């Protein structure tokens, strides 16, 4: 004997031509970013890396053209509502992530990253796409912290507060390590250290060799990379979104 169970559910549908505001209000940019990331990872298994990045860029441009507010050929007029404001930022970090970038990674490492990314929930997936950078301060710029640590100030009783400052990020890191599966790789480094490249490969390259001597910018240690910054990425996105040729 064969039985068929039928379940009927009610679902709201919106016409993309006449009810665009309803779609915009219901858009979940975090879930959409993770969905696009998983689609990109799936395509990367059978397509070349540049082709996947071009596909991702085309989808982002189309979304901005559809839901953005702008005047034709005027990038300065481009605006995205709060429902979409973070989505381009997620795509920027996704393009630079080890899930789509295979440079300096072995095939086994790329497969490992993609395998675990596909099995994470929304929150963990977003952290993997766009890592969080925490900052700890000690009454001023951190340039002398490494020198103080090398000098052994943390072992002196009169510098007990400095010892607590050094221990705080270690305790927070251990808490994160215990909560993650698989357990992430933990690297302890400093500015100019041999392992600092792991951090520099993730941060937004707001200052590079291309704009190191630009007028009116604050001075600081340059991050020598060919990657564009988030600001440059957004500027190009705005130009393409408002262009009538796209």
C-alpha atoms as a PDB file:
ATOM      1  CA  UNK A   1       0.000   0.000   0.000  1.00  0.00           C
ATOM      2  CA  UNK A   2       1.329   3.370  -0.996  1.00  0.00           C
ATOM      3  CA  UNK A   3       0.431   6.631   0.696  1.00  0.00           C
ATOM      4  CA  UNK A   4       1.230  10.140  -0.432  1.00  0.00           C
ATOM      5  CA  UNK A   5       1.212  12.987   2.044  1.00  0.00           C
ATOM      6  CA  UNK A   6       0.636  16.458   0.637  1.00  0.00           C
ATOM      7  CA  UNK A   7       1.435  19.567   2.654  1.00  0.00           C
ATOM      8  CA  UNK A   8       0.227  22.998   1.618  1.00  0.00           C
ATOM      9  CA  UNK A   9       1.913  26.127   2.889  1.00  0.00           C
ATOM     10  CA  UNK A  10       1.262  29.810   2.305  1.00  0.00           C
ATOM     11  CA  UNK A  11       4.072  31.923   0.951  1.00  0.00           C
ATOM     12  CA  UNK A  12       4.242  35.539  -0.073  1.00  0.00           C
ATOM     13  CA  UNK A  13       5.327  36.264  -3.621  1.00  0.00           C
ATOM     14  CA  UNK A  14       6.359  39.655  -4.956  1.00  0.00           C
ATOM     15  CA  UNK A  15       6.575  40.828  -8.530  1.00  0.00           C
ATOM     16  CA  UNK A  16      10.062  42.121  -9.273  1.00  0.00           C
ATOM     17  CA  UNK A  17       8.713  44.839 -11.544  1.00  0.00           C
ATOM     18  CA  UNK A  18       5.972  46.335  -9.383  1.00  0.00           C
ATOM     19  CA  UNK A  19       6.880  45.254  -5.825  1.00  0.00           C
ATOM     20  CA  UNK A  20      10.604  45.862  -5.691  1.00  0.00           C
ATOM     21  CA  UNK A  21      10.345  47.542  -2.285  1.00  0.00           C
ATOM     22  CA  UNK A  22       8.878  44.401  -0.725  1.00  0.00           C
ATOM     23  CA  UNK A  23      11.804  42.349  -2.027  1.00  0.00           C
ATOM     24  CA  UNK A  24      14.261  44.952  -0.785  1.00  0.00           C
ATOM     25  CA  UNK A  25      12.749  45.012   2.709  1.00  0.00           C
ATOM     26  CA  UNK A  26      12.906  41.219   2.997  1.00  0.00           C
ATOM     27  CA  UNK A  27      16.465  40.855   1.681  1.00  0.00           C
ATOM     28  CA  UNK A  28      18.840  39.120   4.109  1.00  0.00           C
ATOM     29  CA  UNK A  29      22.276  40.281   3.012  1.00  0.00           C
ATOM     30  CA  UNK A  30      24.137  37.982   5.395  1.00  0.00           C
ATOM     31  CA  UNK A  31      22.330  34.858   4.211  1.00  0.00           C
ATOM     32  CA  UNK A  32      22.719  36.005   0.597  1.00  0.00           C
ATOM     33  CA  UNK A  33      26.466  36.472   1.060  1.00  0.00           C
ATOM     34  CA  UNK A  34      26.880  32.956   2.453  1.00  0.00           C
ATOM     35  CA  UNK A  35      24.708  31.517  -0.318  1.00  0.00           C
ATOM     36  CA  UNK A  36      26.768  33.248  -3.013  1.00  0.00           C
ATOM     37  CA  UNK A  37      29.945  32.069  -1.303  1.00  0.00           C
ATOM     38  CA  UNK A  38      28.786  28.465  -1.391  1.00  0.00           C
ATOM     39  CA  UNK A  39      27.784  28.796  -5.030  1.00  0.00           C
ATOM     40  CA  UNK A  40      31.181  30.297  -5.784  1.00  0.00           C
ATOM     41  CA  UNK A  41      32.965  27.472  -3.973  1.00  0.00           C
ATOM     42  CA  UNK A  42      30.888  24.937  -5.899  1.00  0.00           C
ATOM     43  CA  UNK A  43      31.782  26.559  -9.218  1.00  0.00           C
ATOM     44  CA  UNK A  44      35.445  26.793  -8.234  1.00  0.00           C
ATOM     45  CA  UNK A  45      35.611  23.005  -8.110  1.00  0.00           C
ATOM     46  CA  UNK A  46      35.051  22.757 -11.867  1.00  0.00           C
ATOM     47  CA  UNK A  47      35.890  26.224 -13.248  1.00  0.00           C
ATOM     48  CA  UNK A  48      38.972  28.398 -13.383  1.00  0.00           C
ATOM     49  CA  UNK A  49      39.465  30.866 -10.546  1.00  0.00           C
ATOM     50  CA  UNK A  50      39.289  34.043 -12.706  1.00  0.00           C
ATOM     51  CA  UNK A  51      36.040  32.813 -14.274  1.00  0.00           C
ATOM     52  CA  UNK A  52      34.467  32.372 -10.844  1.00  0.00           C
ATOM     53  CA  UNK A  53      35.559  35.855  -9.776  1.00  0.00           C
ATOM     54  CA  UNK A  54      34.124  37.373 -12.956  1.00  0.00           C
ATOM     55  CA  UNK A  55      30.847  35.556 -12.353  1.00  0.00           C
ATOM     56  CA  UNK A  56      30.759  36.858  -8.781  1.00  0.00           C
ATOM     57  CA  UNK A  57      31.465  40.395  -9.976  1.00  0.00           C
ATOM     58  CA  UNK A  58      28.699  40.237 -12.586  1.00  0.00           C
ATOM     59  CA  UNK A  59      26.157  39.130 -10.000  1.00  0.00           C
ATOM     60  CA  UNK A  60      27.176  41.950  -7.667  1.00  0.00           C
ATOM     61  CA  UNK A  61      26.955  44.566 -10.430  1.00  0.00           C
ATOM     62  CA  UNK A  62      23.512  43.341 -11.466  1.00  0.00           C
ATOM     63  CA  UNK A  63      22.272  43.497  -7.889  1.00  0.00           C
ATOM     64  CA  UNK A  64      23.558  47.062  -7.496  1.00  0.00           C
ATOM     65  CA  UNK A  65      21.952  48.085 -10.778  1.00  0.00           C
ATOM     66  CA  UNK A  66      18.639  46.573  -9.716  1.00  0.00           C
ATOM     67  CA  UNK A  67      18.382  47.765  -6.133  1.00  0.00           C
ATOM     68  CA  UNK A  68      20.700  50.770  -6.033  1.00  0.00           C
ATOM     69  CA  UNK A  69      19.523  54.363  -6.257  1.00  0.00           C
ATOM     70  CA  UNK A  70      21.559  56.422  -8.709  1.00  0.00           C
ATOM     71  CA  UNK A  71      21.616  58.698 -11.706  1.00  0.00           C
ATOM     72  CA  UNK A  72      22.990  57.319 -14.945  1.00  0.00           C
ATOM     73  CA  UNK A  73      26.713  57.938 -15.440  1.00  0.00           C
ATOM     74  CA  UNK A  74      27.004  59.599 -12.017  1.00  0.00           C
ATOM     75  CA  UNK A  75      28.896  57.357  -9.544  1.00  0.00           C
ATOM     76  CA  UNK A  76      28.644  59.954  -6.771  1.00  0.00           C
ATOM     77  CA  UNK A  77      24.858  59.572  -6.749  1.00  0.00           C
ATOM     78  CA  UNK A  78      24.949  55.823  -6.097  1.00  0.00           C
ATOM     79  CA  UNK A  79      23.295  54.681  -2.862  1.00  0.00           C
ATOM     80  CA  UNK A  80      22.325  51.323  -1.384  1.00  0.00           C
ATOM     81  CA  UNK A  81      19.671  50.914   1.288  1.00  0.00           C
ATOM     82  CA  UNK A  82      20.508  49.473   4.690  1.00  0.00           C
ATOM     83  CA  UNK A  83      19.273  46.065   3.521  1.00  0.00           C
ATOM     84  CA  UNK A  84      22.102  45.903   0.960  1.00  0.00           C
ATOM     85  CA  UNK A  85      24.791  48.164   2.432  1.00  0.00           C
ATOM     86  CA  UNK A  86      27.021  45.365   3.787  1.00  0.00           C
ATOM     87  CA  UNK A  87      26.625  42.950   0.887  1.00  0.00           C
ATOM     88  CA  UNK A  88      29.358  44.487  -1.360  1.00  0.00           C
ATOM     89  CA  UNK A  89      31.723  44.417   1.607  1.00  0.00           C
ATOM     90  CA  UNK A  90      31.115  40.696   2.059  1.00  0.00           C
ATOM     91  CA  UNK A  91      31.812  40.126  -1.643  1.00  0.00           C
ATOM     92  CA  UNK A  92      35.060  42.102  -1.387  1.00  0.00           C
ATOM     93  CA  UNK A  93      36.352  39.837   1.368  1.00  0.00           C
ATOM     94  CA  UNK A  94      34.998  36.712  -0.328  1.00  0.00           C
ATOM     95  CA  UNK A  95      37.036  37.481  -3.453  1.00  0.00           C
ATOM     96  CA  UNK A  96      40.199  37.605  -1.321  1.00  0.00           C
ATOM     97  CA  UNK A  97      39.388  34.539   0.787  1.00  0.00           C
ATOM     98  CA  UNK A  98      41.191  31.176   0.487  1.00  0.00           C
ATOM     99  CA  UNK A  99      37.899  29.670  -0.690  1.00  0.00           C
ATOM    100  CA  UNK A 100      38.301  31.336  -4.087  1.00  0.00           C
ATOM    101  CA  UNK A 101      41.970  32.357  -4.095  1.00  0.00           C
ATOM    102  CA  UNK A 102      44.329  29.411  -4.496  1.00  0.00           C
ATOM    103  CA  UNK A 103      47.580  31.365  -4.736  1.00  0.00           C
ATOM    104  CA  UNK A 104      50.150  30.157  -2.186  1.00  0.00           C
ATOM    105  CA  UNK A 105      47.819  27.300  -1.170  1.00  0.00           C
ATOM    106  CA  UNK A 106      48.194  23.673  -2.103  1.00  0.00           C
ATOM    107  CA  UNK A 107      45.207  21.846  -3.664  1.00  0.00           C
ATOM    108  CA  UNK A 108      44.801  19.954  -0.399  1.00  0.00           C
ATOM    109  CA  UNK A 109      44.611  23.197   1.582  1.00  0.00           C
ATOM    110  CA  UNK A 110      42.036  24.690  -0.789  1.00  0.00           C
ATOM    111  CA  UNK A 111      39.905  21.544  -0.569  1.00  0.00           C
ATOM    112  CA  UNK A 112      40.227  21.570   3.217  1.00  0.00           C
ATOM    113  CA  UNK A 113      39.038  25.185   3.495  1.00  0.00           C
ATOM    114  CA  UNK A 114      36.145  24.644   1.110  1.00  0.00           C
ATOM    115  CA  UNK A 115      35.095  21.401   2.755  1.00  0.00           C
ATOM    116  CA  UNK A 116      34.722  22.956   6.198  1.00  0.00           C
ATOM    117  CA  UNK A 117      33.210  26.194   4.917  1.00  0.00           C
ATOM    118  CA  UNK A 118      30.345  24.291   3.302  1.00  0.00           C
ATOM    119  CA  UNK A 119      29.468  22.758   6.682  1.00  0.00           C
ATOM    120  CA  UNK A 120      29.356  25.874   8.851  1.00  0.00           C
ATOM    121  CA  UNK A 121      26.320  27.814   9.995  1.00  0.00           C
ATOM    122  CA  UNK A 122      25.594  31.391   8.994  1.00  0.00           C
ATOM    123  CA  UNK A 123      27.548  33.119  11.759  1.00  0.00           C
ATOM    124  CA  UNK A 124      30.668  30.999  11.400  1.00  0.00           C
ATOM    125  CA  UNK A 125      30.526  31.291   7.607  1.00  0.00           C
ATOM    126  CA  UNK A 126      30.473  35.092   7.806  1.00  0.00           C
ATOM    127  CA  UNK A 127      33.454  35.074  10.160  1.00  0.00           C
ATOM    128  CA  UNK A 128      35.330  32.855   7.706  1.00  0.00           C
ATOM    129  CA  UNK A 129      34.472  35.221   4.844  1.00  0.00           C
ATOM    130  CA  UNK A 130      35.208  38.430   6.754  1.00  0.00           C
ATOM    131  CA  UNK A 131      37.431  37.777   9.790  1.00  0.00           C
ATOM    132  CA  UNK A 132      37.180  40.069  12.803  1.00  0.00           C
ATOM    133  CA  UNK A 133      40.230  42.040  13.949  1.00  0.00           C
ATOM    134  CA  UNK A 134      40.351  42.996  17.639  1.00  0.00           C
ATOM    135  CA  UNK A 135      42.600  45.764  18.944  1.00  0.00           C
ATOM    136  CA  UNK A 136      44.076  46.079  22.452  1.00  0.00           C
ATOM    137  CA  UNK A 137      45.570  49.421  23.519  1.00  0.00           C
ATOM    138  CA  UNK A 138      47.805  50.533  26.366  1.00  0.00           C
ATOM    139  CA  UNK A 139      47.448  54.304  26.717  1.00  0.00           C
ATOM    140  CA  UNK A 140      48.849  55.063  23.268  1.00  0.00           C
ATOM    141  CA  UNK A 141      50.218  53.688  19.999  1.00  0.00           C
ATOM    142  CA  UNK A 142      51.425  50.067  20.151  1.00  0.00           C
ATOM    143  CA  UNK A 143      54.848  50.553  18.531  1.00  0.00           C
ATOM    144  CA  UNK A 144      56.805  49.938  21.749  1.00  0.00           C
ATOM    145  CA  UNK A 145      54.838  46.931  23.023  1.00  0.00           C
ATOM    146  CA  UNK A 146      57.063  44.373  21.281  1.00  0.00           C
ATOM    147  CA  UNK A 147      60.233  46.036  22.599  1.00  0.00           C
ATOM    148  CA  UNK A 148      58.861  46.037  26.135  1.00  0.00           C
ATOM    149  CA  UNK A 149      58.012  42.364  25.865  1.00  0.00           C
ATOM    150  CA  UNK A 150      61.507  41.519  24.577  1.00  0.00           C
ATOM    151  CA  UNK A 151      62.993  43.478  27.461  1.00  0.00           C
ATOM    152  CA  UNK A 152      61.006  41.344  29.910  1.00  0.00           C
ATOM    153  CA  UNK A 153      58.963  44.148  31.452  1.00  0.00           C
ATOM    154  CA  UNK A 154      56.051  41.744  31.974  1.00  0.00           C
ATOM    155  CA  UNK A 155      58.163  39.727  34.423  1.00  0.00           C
ATOM    156  CA  UNK A 156      58.822  42.720  36.682  1.00  0.00           C
ATOM    157  CA  UNK A 157      56.456  43.179  39.655  1.00  0.00           C
ATOM    158  CA  UNK A 158      56.091  46.919  39.054  1.00  0.00           C
ATOM    159  CA  UNK A 159      54.726  46.253  35.547  1.00  0.00           C
ATOM    160  CA  UNK A 160      51.933  43.885  36.535  1.00  0.00           C
ATOM    161  CA  UNK A 161      49.416  45.839  34.432  1.00  0.00           C
ATOM    162  CA  UNK A 162      51.582  45.331  31.347  1.00  0.00           C
ATOM    163  CA  UNK A 163      51.589  41.596  31.995  1.00  0.00           C
ATOM    164  CA  UNK A 164      47.783  41.604  32.115  1.00  0.00           C
ATOM    165  CA  UNK A 165      47.674  43.499  28.818  1.00  0.00           C
ATOM    166  CA  UNK A 166      49.783  40.856  27.091  1.00  0.00           C
ATOM    167  CA  UNK A 167      47.744  38.051  28.606  1.00  0.00           C
ATOM    168  CA  UNK A 168      44.316  39.443  27.596  1.00  0.00           C
ATOM    169  CA  UNK A 169      44.549  38.665  23.857  1.00  0.00           C
ATOM    170  CA  UNK A 170      46.036  35.244  24.612  1.00  0.00           C
ATOM    171  CA  UNK A 171      43.098  34.347  26.853  1.00  0.00           C
ATOM    172  CA  UNK A 172      40.611  35.583  24.265  1.00  0.00           C
ATOM    173  CA  UNK A 173      42.380  33.619  21.537  1.00  0.00           C
ATOM    174  CA  UNK A 174      42.295  30.417  23.601  1.00  0.00           C
ATOM    175  CA  UNK A 175      38.575  30.881  24.203  1.00  0.00           C
ATOM    176  CA  UNK A 176      37.994  31.206  20.462  1.00  0.00           C
ATOM    177  CA  UNK A 177      40.186  28.181  19.708  1.00  0.00           C
ATOM    178  CA  UNK A 178      38.201  25.985  22.078  1.00  0.00           C
ATOM    179  CA  UNK A 179      34.884  27.080  20.539  1.00  0.00           C
ATOM    180  CA  UNK A 180      35.866  26.441  16.904  1.00  0.00           C
ATOM    181  CA  UNK A 181      35.834  23.171  15.024  1.00  0.00           C
ATOM    182  CA  UNK A 182      38.092  22.402  13.375  1.00  0.00           C
ATOM    183  CA  UNK A 183      40.484  24.205  15.685  1.00  0.00           C
ATOM    184  CA  UNK A 184      42.106  27.131  13.839  1.00  0.00           C
ATOM    185  CA  UNK A 185      45.842  27.577  13.518  1.00  0.00           C
ATOM    186  CA  UNK A 186      47.185  29.928  16.195  1.00  0.00           C
ATOM    187  CA  UNK A 187      50.069  32.252  15.273  1.00  0.00           C
ATOM    188  CA  UNK A 188      51.811  34.620  17.688  1.00  0.00           C
ATOM    189  CA  UNK A 189      53.681  37.333  15.812  1.00  0.00           C
ATOM    190  CA  UNK A 190      54.601  41.015  15.910  1.00  0.00           C
ATOM    191  CA  UNK A 191      55.076  43.901  13.506  1.00  0.00           C
ATOM    192  CA  UNK A 192      57.803  42.979  11.053  1.00  0.00           C
ATOM    193  CA  UNK A 193      57.849  39.370  12.222  1.00  0.00           C
ATOM    194  CA  UNK A 194      58.241  36.448   9.847  1.00  0.00           C
ATOM    195  CA  UNK A 195      54.671  35.305  10.514  1.00  0.00           C
ATOM    196  CA  UNK A 196      53.073  38.752  10.168  1.00  0.00           C
ATOM    197  CA  UNK A 197      52.208  37.999   6.534  1.00  0.00           C
ATOM    198  CA  UNK A 198      49.257  35.882   7.687  1.00  0.00           C
ATOM    199  CA  UNK A 199      47.647  38.966   9.213  1.00  0.00           C
ATOM    200  CA  UNK A 200      48.632  41.343   6.412  1.00  0.00           C
ATOM    201  CA  UNK A 201      47.040  39.043   3.841  1.00  0.00           C
ATOM    202  CA  UNK A 202      43.659  39.533   5.539  1.00  0.00           C
ATOM    203  CA  UNK A 203      43.513  43.208   6.418  1.00  0.00           C
ATOM    204  CA  UNK A 204      42.128  45.864   4.104  1.00  0.00           C
ATOM    205  CA  UNK A 205      45.129  47.279   2.176  1.00  0.00           C
ATOM    206  CA  UNK A 206      44.127  50.916   2.639  1.00  0.00           C
ATOM    207  CA  UNK A 207      47.731  52.006   2.120  1.00  0.00           C
ATOM    208  CA  UNK A 208      49.862  50.298  -0.540  1.00  0.00           C
ATOM    209  CA  UNK A 209      52.798  51.125  -2.747  1.00  0.00           C
ATOM    210  CA  UNK A 210      50.273  52.657  -5.167  1.00  0.00           C
ATOM    211  CA  UNK A 211      49.074  55.397  -2.818  1.00  0.00           C
ATOM    212  CA  UNK A 212      51.920  55.559  -0.307  1.00  0.00           C
ATOM    213  CA  UNK A 213      52.834  59.139  -1.202  1.00  0.00           C
ATOM    214  CA  UNK A 214      49.352  60.493  -1.838  1.00  0.00           C
ATOM    215  CA  UNK A 215      48.787  64.062  -0.666  1.00  0.00           C
ATOM    216  CA  UNK A 216      46.949  64.598   2.602  1.00  0.00           C
ATOM    217  CA  UNK A 217      47.061  60.997   3.842  1.00  0.00           C
ATOM    218  CA  UNK A 218      48.272  59.974   7.250  1.00  0.00           C
ATOM    219  CA  UNK A 219      51.671  58.345   7.351  1.00  0.00           C
ATOM    220  CA  UNK A 220      52.065  54.765   8.445  1.00  0.00           C
ATOM    221  CA  UNK A 221      53.670  51.465   7.605  1.00  0.00           C
ATOM    222  CA  UNK A 222      52.763  50.523   4.025  1.00  0.00           C
ATOM    223  CA  UNK A 223      51.256  47.147   3.196  1.00  0.00           C
ATOM    224  CA  UNK A 224      52.980  46.147  -0.020  1.00  0.00           C
ATOM    225  CA  UNK A 225      50.300  44.308  -1.957  1.00  0.00           C
ATOM    226  CA  UNK A 226      48.669  44.387  -5.360  1.00  0.00           C
ATOM    227  CA  UNK A 227      45.202  44.024  -3.833  1.00  0.00           C
ATOM    228  CA  UNK A 228      42.881  46.981  -4.087  1.00  0.00           C
ATOM    229  CA  UNK A 229      41.384  48.462  -0.949  1.00  0.00           C
ATOM    230  CA  UNK A 230      37.708  48.274  -0.078  1.00  0.00           C
ATOM    231  CA  UNK A 231      37.328  51.941  -1.015  1.00  0.00           C
ATOM    232  CA  UNK A 232      38.820  51.411  -4.487  1.00  0.00           C
ATOM    233  CA  UNK A 233      36.656  48.314  -4.925  1.00  0.00           C
ATOM    234  CA  UNK A 234      33.518  50.288  -4.062  1.00  0.00           C
ATOM    235  CA  UNK A 235      34.497  53.156  -6.356  1.00  0.00           C
ATOM    236  CA  UNK A 236      34.850  50.790  -9.310  1.00  0.00           C
ATOM    237  CA  UNK A 237      31.598  49.055  -8.394  1.00  0.00           C
ATOM    238  CA  UNK A 238      29.741  52.370  -8.397  1.00  0.00           C
ATOM    239  CA  UNK A 239      31.151  53.293 -11.805  1.00  0.00           C
ATOM    240  CA  UNK A 240      30.098  49.972 -13.308  1.00  0.00           C
ATOM    241  CA  UNK A 241      26.664  50.019 -11.665  1.00  0.00           C
ATOM    242  CA  UNK A 242      25.723  53.441 -13.033  1.00  0.00           C
ATOM    243  CA  UNK A 243      27.243  52.853 -16.456  1.00  0.00           C
ATOM    244  CA  UNK A 244      24.719  52.410 -19.253  1.00  0.00           C
ATOM    245  CA  UNK A 245      27.161  50.111 -21.070  1.00  0.00           C
ATOM    246  CA  UNK A 246      26.869  47.366 -18.428  1.00  0.00           C
END
